[in-house]
């Protein structure tokens, strides 16, 4: 599947580390188990880390200034922990780099991914890219707060909350 950003295909400058192989030069995404190896590389090559859904992102706080990307994983479409991880990275840890959704997210989750702080999607599924674009444009109203700092929509909910 191509890399999606804002519902459109974009170039992927990142290489994923291969298990058992030396880390490549340039922008590389390492699994959490190889993070120390990635941090020890010479130079200032861009570094990203791939984390599983069971990882507490708080353990990354000391290395986030060195990371340009955190890849969160949707192990199944029913597993929403990646949403929580992305939101925590943005709101609690002030991470400003790329948050990439990987694994098996669904197109109808796309707008929620963006609202939680994910910036790109690289899925294992083979959907038509137009489905992701449609999902991005389909929803214009949301009920939960967002990291996007968008203008509040007049939803008429205030009368129910007062």
N, C-alpha and C. Protein backbone atom coordinates (compact mmCIF):
# COMPACT_ATOMS: atom_id res chain seq x y z
N UNK A 1 0.84 -1.18 0.00
CA UNK A 1 0.00 0.00 0.00
C UNK A 1 0.88 1.24 0.00
N UNK A 2 0.53 2.22 -0.76
CA UNK A 2 1.31 3.46 -0.76
C UNK A 2 1.14 4.23 0.55
N UNK A 3 1.99 5.18 0.74
CA UNK A 3 1.92 6.06 1.91
C UNK A 3 0.91 7.16 1.62
N UNK A 4 -0.02 7.37 2.55
CA UNK A 4 -1.05 8.39 2.39
C UNK A 4 -0.83 9.52 3.37
N UNK A 5 -1.00 10.73 2.88
CA UNK A 5 -0.97 11.92 3.72
C UNK A 5 -2.10 12.82 3.23
N UNK A 6 -2.99 13.19 4.15
CA UNK A 6 -4.17 13.98 3.80
C UNK A 6 -4.98 13.33 2.69
N UNK A 7 -5.06 12.01 2.71
CA UNK A 7 -5.88 11.29 1.75
C UNK A 7 -5.26 11.12 0.37
N UNK A 8 -4.03 11.56 0.20
CA UNK A 8 -3.37 11.48 -1.10
C UNK A 8 -2.06 10.70 -0.97
N UNK A 9 -1.66 10.09 -2.08
CA UNK A 9 -0.39 9.36 -2.11
C UNK A 9 0.75 10.35 -2.02
N UNK A 10 1.75 10.01 -1.23
CA UNK A 10 2.93 10.84 -1.08
C UNK A 10 4.17 9.95 -1.11
N UNK A 11 5.31 10.54 -1.39
CA UNK A 11 6.56 9.78 -1.40
C UNK A 11 6.95 9.41 0.02
N UNK A 12 7.52 8.24 0.16
CA UNK A 12 7.98 7.76 1.46
C UNK A 12 9.50 7.80 1.50
N UNK A 13 10.05 8.71 2.27
CA UNK A 13 11.50 8.84 2.35
C UNK A 13 12.11 7.87 3.36
N UNK A 14 11.26 7.15 4.09
CA UNK A 14 11.73 6.28 5.16
C UNK A 14 11.94 4.85 4.68
N UNK A 15 12.98 4.21 5.25
CA UNK A 15 13.25 2.80 5.04
C UNK A 15 13.03 2.09 6.36
N UNK A 16 12.39 0.94 6.32
CA UNK A 16 12.18 0.17 7.54
C UNK A 16 13.35 -0.78 7.75
N UNK A 17 13.85 -0.82 8.98
CA UNK A 17 14.95 -1.71 9.30
C UNK A 17 14.52 -3.15 9.11
N UNK A 18 15.42 -3.94 8.58
CA UNK A 18 15.15 -5.37 8.36
C UNK A 18 15.80 -6.14 9.50
N UNK A 19 15.03 -7.06 10.08
CA UNK A 19 15.53 -7.84 11.20
C UNK A 19 16.79 -8.59 10.82
N UNK A 20 17.82 -8.48 11.64
CA UNK A 20 19.08 -9.19 11.42
C UNK A 20 20.04 -8.50 10.47
N UNK A 21 19.61 -7.42 9.83
CA UNK A 21 20.47 -6.69 8.89
C UNK A 21 20.95 -5.40 9.53
N UNK A 22 22.12 -4.91 9.10
CA UNK A 22 22.58 -3.62 9.62
C UNK A 22 21.60 -2.51 9.24
N UNK A 23 21.58 -1.47 10.04
CA UNK A 23 20.70 -0.35 9.74
C UNK A 23 21.17 0.38 8.49
N UNK A 24 20.27 0.70 7.59
CA UNK A 24 20.67 1.41 6.38
C UNK A 24 20.99 2.87 6.68
N UNK A 25 21.65 3.52 5.74
CA UNK A 25 21.89 4.95 5.86
C UNK A 25 20.61 5.69 5.56
N UNK A 26 20.55 6.94 5.95
CA UNK A 26 19.39 7.76 5.65
C UNK A 26 18.29 7.58 6.68
N UNK A 27 17.10 8.04 6.32
CA UNK A 27 15.94 7.98 7.21
C UNK A 27 15.51 6.53 7.41
N UNK A 28 15.52 6.08 8.65
CA UNK A 28 15.21 4.69 8.94
C UNK A 28 14.24 4.59 10.11
N UNK A 29 13.30 3.65 9.98
CA UNK A 29 12.37 3.32 11.07
C UNK A 29 12.83 2.02 11.68
N UNK A 30 13.12 2.06 12.97
CA UNK A 30 13.60 0.86 13.67
C UNK A 30 12.50 0.36 14.61
N UNK A 31 12.46 -0.95 14.84
CA UNK A 31 11.54 -1.44 15.87
C UNK A 31 12.03 -0.97 17.24
N UNK A 32 11.14 -0.90 18.19
CA UNK A 32 11.49 -0.42 19.53
C UNK A 32 12.70 -1.17 20.10
N UNK A 33 12.79 -2.47 19.80
CA UNK A 33 13.90 -3.28 20.32
C UNK A 33 15.25 -2.82 19.79
N UNK A 34 15.28 -2.11 18.67
CA UNK A 34 16.54 -1.65 18.07
C UNK A 34 16.72 -0.13 18.20
N UNK A 35 15.93 0.50 19.06
CA UNK A 35 15.99 1.95 19.19
C UNK A 35 17.36 2.42 19.64
N UNK A 36 17.95 1.77 20.61
CA UNK A 36 19.28 2.19 21.09
C UNK A 36 20.31 2.11 19.96
N UNK A 37 20.22 1.08 19.15
CA UNK A 37 21.12 0.94 18.00
C UNK A 37 20.91 2.11 17.03
N UNK A 38 19.68 2.46 16.79
CA UNK A 38 19.38 3.59 15.91
C UNK A 38 19.89 4.90 16.46
N UNK A 39 19.75 5.10 17.77
CA UNK A 39 20.22 6.32 18.40
C UNK A 39 21.74 6.42 18.38
N UNK A 40 22.42 5.28 18.34
CA UNK A 40 23.88 5.26 18.36
C UNK A 40 24.50 5.49 16.99
N UNK A 41 23.69 5.55 15.94
CA UNK A 41 24.24 5.78 14.60
C UNK A 41 24.98 7.10 14.55
N UNK A 42 26.02 7.11 13.77
CA UNK A 42 26.79 8.35 13.59
C UNK A 42 25.99 9.31 12.72
N UNK A 43 26.21 10.59 12.94
CA UNK A 43 25.54 11.60 12.12
C UNK A 43 24.16 11.94 12.62
N UNK A 44 23.50 12.73 11.84
CA UNK A 44 22.16 13.19 12.22
C UNK A 44 21.09 12.66 11.27
N UNK A 45 21.24 11.45 10.80
CA UNK A 45 20.25 10.86 9.90
C UNK A 45 18.91 10.77 10.61
N UNK A 46 17.81 11.04 9.91
CA UNK A 46 16.49 10.96 10.53
C UNK A 46 16.21 9.56 11.08
N UNK A 47 15.60 9.54 12.26
CA UNK A 47 15.32 8.28 12.94
C UNK A 47 13.85 8.23 13.33
N UNK A 48 13.24 7.08 13.10
CA UNK A 48 11.88 6.82 13.53
C UNK A 48 11.83 5.50 14.27
N UNK A 49 10.77 5.30 15.03
CA UNK A 49 10.61 4.06 15.78
C UNK A 49 9.21 3.51 15.53
N UNK A 50 9.12 2.20 15.38
CA UNK A 50 7.84 1.51 15.24
C UNK A 50 7.51 0.86 16.58
N UNK A 51 6.31 1.13 17.07
CA UNK A 51 5.91 0.57 18.36
C UNK A 51 4.64 -0.26 18.19
N UNK A 52 4.53 -1.26 19.04
CA UNK A 52 3.34 -2.10 19.05
C UNK A 52 2.23 -1.45 19.86
N UNK A 53 1.03 -1.98 19.77
CA UNK A 53 -0.10 -1.40 20.48
C UNK A 53 -0.01 -1.51 22.00
N UNK A 54 0.84 -2.39 22.50
CA UNK A 54 0.96 -2.58 23.94
C UNK A 54 2.03 -1.70 24.59
N UNK A 55 2.67 -0.82 23.81
CA UNK A 55 3.75 0.03 24.33
C UNK A 55 3.18 1.29 24.97
N UNK A 56 3.68 1.60 26.16
CA UNK A 56 3.34 2.86 26.82
C UNK A 56 4.23 3.93 26.21
N UNK A 57 3.65 4.89 25.49
CA UNK A 57 4.46 5.90 24.80
C UNK A 57 5.22 6.79 25.77
N UNK A 58 4.84 6.80 27.02
CA UNK A 58 5.57 7.58 28.02
C UNK A 58 7.02 7.15 28.15
N UNK A 59 7.32 5.90 27.84
CA UNK A 59 8.71 5.44 27.93
C UNK A 59 9.58 6.04 26.83
N UNK A 60 8.99 6.73 25.86
CA UNK A 60 9.76 7.37 24.79
C UNK A 60 10.10 8.82 25.09
N UNK A 61 9.60 9.36 26.20
CA UNK A 61 9.74 10.80 26.45
C UNK A 61 11.18 11.30 26.37
N UNK A 62 12.13 10.52 26.82
CA UNK A 62 13.52 10.96 26.82
C UNK A 62 14.18 10.94 25.43
N UNK A 63 13.62 10.20 24.48
CA UNK A 63 14.22 10.12 23.15
C UNK A 63 13.40 10.86 22.08
N UNK A 64 12.21 11.34 22.43
CA UNK A 64 11.37 12.01 21.42
C UNK A 64 12.07 13.18 20.73
N UNK A 65 12.90 13.97 21.41
CA UNK A 65 13.56 15.06 20.68
C UNK A 65 14.47 14.56 19.54
N UNK A 66 14.91 13.33 19.61
CA UNK A 66 15.79 12.76 18.57
C UNK A 66 15.00 12.07 17.46
N UNK A 67 13.72 11.81 17.71
CA UNK A 67 12.91 11.09 16.74
C UNK A 67 12.14 12.04 15.84
N UNK A 68 12.04 11.68 14.57
CA UNK A 68 11.24 12.45 13.62
C UNK A 68 9.95 11.73 13.28
N UNK A 69 9.83 10.45 13.65
CA UNK A 69 8.64 9.67 13.31
C UNK A 69 8.41 8.62 14.38
N UNK A 70 7.14 8.42 14.71
CA UNK A 70 6.72 7.29 15.53
C UNK A 70 5.63 6.58 14.75
N UNK A 71 5.83 5.30 14.48
CA UNK A 71 4.84 4.48 13.77
C UNK A 71 4.05 3.68 14.79
N UNK A 72 2.75 3.92 14.83
CA UNK A 72 1.86 3.18 15.73
C UNK A 72 1.16 2.10 14.91
N UNK A 73 0.82 1.00 15.56
CA UNK A 73 0.32 -0.17 14.84
C UNK A 73 -1.12 -0.49 15.18
N UNK A 74 -1.94 -0.66 14.14
CA UNK A 74 -3.29 -1.19 14.29
C UNK A 74 -3.18 -2.69 14.01
N UNK A 75 -3.10 -3.49 15.08
CA UNK A 75 -2.96 -4.93 14.92
C UNK A 75 -4.21 -5.53 14.27
N UNK A 76 -5.38 -5.05 14.65
CA UNK A 76 -6.65 -5.42 14.03
C UNK A 76 -7.50 -4.15 13.97
N UNK A 77 -8.54 -4.17 13.17
CA UNK A 77 -9.38 -2.98 13.06
C UNK A 77 -10.13 -2.69 14.36
N UNK A 78 -10.25 -3.67 15.23
CA UNK A 78 -10.96 -3.48 16.50
C UNK A 78 -10.06 -2.92 17.59
N UNK A 79 -8.78 -2.85 17.36
CA UNK A 79 -7.82 -2.43 18.38
C UNK A 79 -7.57 -0.93 18.25
N UNK A 80 -8.09 -0.16 19.20
CA UNK A 80 -7.98 1.29 19.14
C UNK A 80 -6.84 1.89 19.95
N UNK A 81 -5.92 1.06 20.43
CA UNK A 81 -4.84 1.60 21.27
C UNK A 81 -3.95 2.57 20.51
N UNK A 82 -3.83 2.43 19.19
CA UNK A 82 -3.01 3.36 18.42
C UNK A 82 -3.57 4.78 18.46
N UNK A 83 -4.89 4.91 18.55
CA UNK A 83 -5.50 6.24 18.70
C UNK A 83 -5.03 6.89 19.99
N UNK A 84 -5.05 6.11 21.06
CA UNK A 84 -4.62 6.61 22.37
C UNK A 84 -3.14 6.97 22.36
N UNK A 85 -2.33 6.12 21.74
CA UNK A 85 -0.90 6.41 21.66
C UNK A 85 -0.63 7.72 20.92
N UNK A 86 -1.29 7.91 19.78
CA UNK A 86 -1.09 9.13 19.00
C UNK A 86 -1.51 10.36 19.79
N UNK A 87 -2.64 10.27 20.42
CA UNK A 87 -3.13 11.42 21.20
C UNK A 87 -2.18 11.73 22.35
N UNK A 88 -1.69 10.71 23.03
CA UNK A 88 -0.74 10.92 24.13
C UNK A 88 0.56 11.54 23.62
N UNK A 89 1.04 11.08 22.48
CA UNK A 89 2.26 11.65 21.91
C UNK A 89 2.09 13.14 21.65
N UNK A 90 0.95 13.54 21.11
CA UNK A 90 0.71 14.95 20.79
C UNK A 90 0.41 15.79 22.04
N UNK A 91 -0.55 15.35 22.84
CA UNK A 91 -1.04 16.17 23.93
C UNK A 91 -0.19 16.13 25.20
N UNK A 92 0.31 14.96 25.54
CA UNK A 92 1.03 14.83 26.81
C UNK A 92 2.54 14.92 26.65
N UNK A 93 3.05 14.47 25.49
CA UNK A 93 4.49 14.46 25.28
C UNK A 93 4.95 15.53 24.29
N UNK A 94 4.01 16.28 23.73
CA UNK A 94 4.30 17.40 22.81
C UNK A 94 5.15 16.99 21.61
N UNK A 95 4.94 15.80 21.11
CA UNK A 95 5.67 15.33 19.93
C UNK A 95 5.14 16.03 18.70
N UNK A 96 6.04 16.62 17.91
CA UNK A 96 5.63 17.38 16.73
C UNK A 96 5.99 16.70 15.42
N UNK A 97 6.65 15.56 15.49
CA UNK A 97 7.04 14.84 14.28
C UNK A 97 5.89 14.07 13.65
N UNK A 98 6.24 13.26 12.68
CA UNK A 98 5.26 12.44 11.96
C UNK A 98 4.81 11.28 12.83
N UNK A 99 3.50 11.06 12.88
CA UNK A 99 2.95 9.85 13.50
C UNK A 99 2.30 9.07 12.37
N UNK A 100 2.82 7.87 12.16
CA UNK A 100 2.39 7.04 11.03
C UNK A 100 1.54 5.88 11.55
N UNK A 101 0.37 5.72 10.96
CA UNK A 101 -0.49 4.56 11.26
C UNK A 101 -0.05 3.42 10.35
N UNK A 102 0.19 2.26 10.95
CA UNK A 102 0.59 1.08 10.19
C UNK A 102 -0.30 -0.09 10.60
N UNK A 103 -0.15 -1.19 9.91
CA UNK A 103 -0.91 -2.39 10.25
C UNK A 103 -2.19 -2.49 9.45
N UNK A 104 -3.33 -2.59 10.16
CA UNK A 104 -4.60 -2.86 9.50
C UNK A 104 -5.69 -1.83 9.82
N UNK A 105 -5.39 -0.55 9.70
CA UNK A 105 -6.46 0.42 9.92
C UNK A 105 -7.45 0.39 8.76
N UNK A 106 -8.65 0.88 9.02
CA UNK A 106 -9.68 0.92 7.99
C UNK A 106 -9.87 2.34 7.48
N UNK A 107 -10.26 2.50 6.23
CA UNK A 107 -10.50 3.84 5.70
C UNK A 107 -11.51 4.64 6.51
N UNK A 108 -12.54 3.98 7.06
CA UNK A 108 -13.53 4.75 7.81
C UNK A 108 -13.01 5.22 9.17
N UNK A 109 -11.81 4.82 9.54
CA UNK A 109 -11.16 5.32 10.75
C UNK A 109 -10.25 6.52 10.45
N UNK A 110 -10.09 6.83 9.18
CA UNK A 110 -9.09 7.81 8.76
C UNK A 110 -9.27 9.18 9.41
N UNK A 111 -10.46 9.71 9.42
CA UNK A 111 -10.66 11.04 10.00
C UNK A 111 -10.35 11.03 11.49
N UNK A 112 -10.67 9.94 12.17
CA UNK A 112 -10.36 9.82 13.59
C UNK A 112 -8.84 9.77 13.81
N UNK A 113 -8.13 9.11 12.90
CA UNK A 113 -6.67 9.08 12.99
C UNK A 113 -6.10 10.49 12.93
N UNK A 114 -6.58 11.26 11.97
CA UNK A 114 -6.11 12.63 11.82
C UNK A 114 -6.43 13.47 13.06
N UNK A 115 -7.62 13.30 13.59
CA UNK A 115 -8.03 14.07 14.77
C UNK A 115 -7.20 13.71 16.00
N UNK A 116 -6.65 12.50 16.03
CA UNK A 116 -5.81 12.08 17.16
C UNK A 116 -4.35 12.44 16.98
N UNK A 117 -3.98 12.94 15.80
CA UNK A 117 -2.61 13.39 15.59
C UNK A 117 -1.80 12.59 14.60
N UNK A 118 -2.36 11.53 14.04
CA UNK A 118 -1.62 10.78 13.02
C UNK A 118 -1.55 11.62 11.75
N UNK A 119 -0.41 11.54 11.09
CA UNK A 119 -0.22 12.37 9.90
C UNK A 119 -0.16 11.56 8.61
N UNK A 120 0.28 10.32 8.70
CA UNK A 120 0.39 9.47 7.51
C UNK A 120 -0.15 8.08 7.83
N UNK A 121 -0.49 7.35 6.76
CA UNK A 121 -1.01 5.98 6.90
C UNK A 121 -0.32 5.10 5.88
N UNK A 122 0.18 3.97 6.37
CA UNK A 122 0.72 2.94 5.49
C UNK A 122 0.12 1.63 5.97
N UNK A 123 -0.85 1.14 5.23
CA UNK A 123 -1.61 -0.02 5.67
C UNK A 123 -1.21 -1.28 4.91
N UNK A 124 -1.44 -2.41 5.54
CA UNK A 124 -1.16 -3.70 4.89
C UNK A 124 -2.29 -4.09 3.96
N UNK A 125 -3.44 -3.43 4.08
CA UNK A 125 -4.60 -3.75 3.24
C UNK A 125 -4.39 -3.20 1.84
N UNK A 126 -5.12 -3.75 0.90
CA UNK A 126 -4.96 -3.34 -0.51
C UNK A 126 -6.16 -2.55 -1.01
N UNK A 127 -6.67 -1.61 -0.20
CA UNK A 127 -7.81 -0.81 -0.64
C UNK A 127 -7.39 0.14 -1.76
N UNK A 128 -8.38 0.55 -2.52
CA UNK A 128 -8.20 1.59 -3.51
C UNK A 128 -7.95 2.90 -2.76
N UNK A 129 -6.96 3.66 -3.17
CA UNK A 129 -6.60 4.90 -2.50
C UNK A 129 -7.77 5.88 -2.48
N UNK A 130 -8.63 5.85 -3.49
CA UNK A 130 -9.76 6.77 -3.53
C UNK A 130 -10.70 6.57 -2.34
N UNK A 131 -10.75 5.37 -1.79
CA UNK A 131 -11.58 5.10 -0.63
C UNK A 131 -11.09 5.91 0.56
N UNK A 132 -9.77 6.03 0.70
CA UNK A 132 -9.20 6.81 1.80
C UNK A 132 -9.49 8.29 1.60
N UNK A 133 -9.39 8.78 0.38
CA UNK A 133 -9.69 10.19 0.09
C UNK A 133 -11.15 10.48 0.40
N UNK A 134 -12.05 9.59 0.01
CA UNK A 134 -13.47 9.77 0.30
C UNK A 134 -13.72 9.79 1.80
N UNK A 135 -13.06 8.92 2.52
CA UNK A 135 -13.22 8.88 3.98
C UNK A 135 -12.73 10.18 4.60
N UNK A 136 -11.70 10.76 4.04
CA UNK A 136 -11.15 12.03 4.56
C UNK A 136 -12.13 13.17 4.33
N UNK A 137 -12.84 13.14 3.24
CA UNK A 137 -13.75 14.24 2.89
C UNK A 137 -15.17 14.02 3.39
N UNK A 138 -15.51 12.80 3.78
CA UNK A 138 -16.89 12.46 4.12
C UNK A 138 -17.37 13.10 5.42
N UNK A 139 -16.54 13.10 6.44
CA UNK A 139 -16.97 13.57 7.75
C UNK A 139 -16.53 15.00 7.98
N UNK A 140 -17.48 15.87 8.33
CA UNK A 140 -17.13 17.27 8.59
C UNK A 140 -17.48 17.68 10.01
N UNK A 141 -18.17 16.82 10.73
CA UNK A 141 -18.57 17.14 12.10
C UNK A 141 -18.07 16.02 13.01
N UNK A 142 -17.53 16.42 14.15
CA UNK A 142 -17.06 15.45 15.12
C UNK A 142 -17.52 15.88 16.51
N UNK A 143 -17.65 14.92 17.40
CA UNK A 143 -18.13 15.20 18.74
C UNK A 143 -17.02 15.28 19.78
N UNK A 144 -15.86 14.74 19.47
CA UNK A 144 -14.78 14.75 20.43
C UNK A 144 -13.78 15.86 20.09
N UNK A 145 -13.03 16.34 21.08
CA UNK A 145 -12.00 17.35 20.81
C UNK A 145 -10.91 16.77 19.90
N UNK A 146 -10.18 17.66 19.26
CA UNK A 146 -9.16 17.25 18.31
C UNK A 146 -7.86 17.99 18.58
N UNK A 147 -6.76 17.42 18.13
CA UNK A 147 -5.47 18.11 18.21
C UNK A 147 -5.31 19.06 17.03
N UNK A 148 -6.27 19.09 16.10
CA UNK A 148 -6.14 19.86 14.88
C UNK A 148 -6.39 21.36 15.05
N UNK A 149 -6.88 21.79 16.20
CA UNK A 149 -7.16 23.21 16.46
C UNK A 149 -8.11 23.80 15.42
N UNK A 150 -9.09 23.02 15.03
CA UNK A 150 -10.04 23.49 14.05
C UNK A 150 -11.08 24.39 14.69
N UNK A 151 -11.76 25.16 13.88
CA UNK A 151 -12.82 26.01 14.36
C UNK A 151 -13.98 25.13 14.82
N UNK A 152 -14.53 25.44 15.95
CA UNK A 152 -15.65 24.64 16.48
C UNK A 152 -16.86 24.79 15.58
N UNK A 153 -17.50 23.69 15.30
CA UNK A 153 -18.72 23.67 14.51
C UNK A 153 -19.90 23.90 15.45
N UNK A 154 -20.88 24.64 15.00
CA UNK A 154 -22.09 24.82 15.79
C UNK A 154 -22.94 23.57 15.72
N UNK A 155 -22.81 22.71 16.71
CA UNK A 155 -23.51 21.42 16.66
C UNK A 155 -24.84 21.45 17.40
N UNK A 156 -25.11 22.54 18.10
CA UNK A 156 -26.35 22.59 18.84
C UNK A 156 -26.35 21.68 20.06
N UNK A 157 -25.18 21.21 20.47
CA UNK A 157 -25.11 20.31 21.63
C UNK A 157 -25.11 21.08 22.94
N UNK A 158 -24.78 22.33 22.91
CA UNK A 158 -24.68 23.12 24.13
C UNK A 158 -26.00 23.10 24.90
N UNK A 159 -27.13 23.16 24.20
CA UNK A 159 -28.41 23.20 24.91
C UNK A 159 -28.66 21.91 25.70
N UNK A 160 -28.05 20.79 25.25
CA UNK A 160 -28.22 19.53 25.97
C UNK A 160 -27.27 19.44 27.16
N UNK A 161 -26.16 20.17 27.08
CA UNK A 161 -25.16 20.10 28.14
C UNK A 161 -25.40 21.12 29.25
N UNK A 162 -26.17 22.15 28.97
CA UNK A 162 -26.44 23.19 29.98
C UNK A 162 -27.47 22.76 30.98
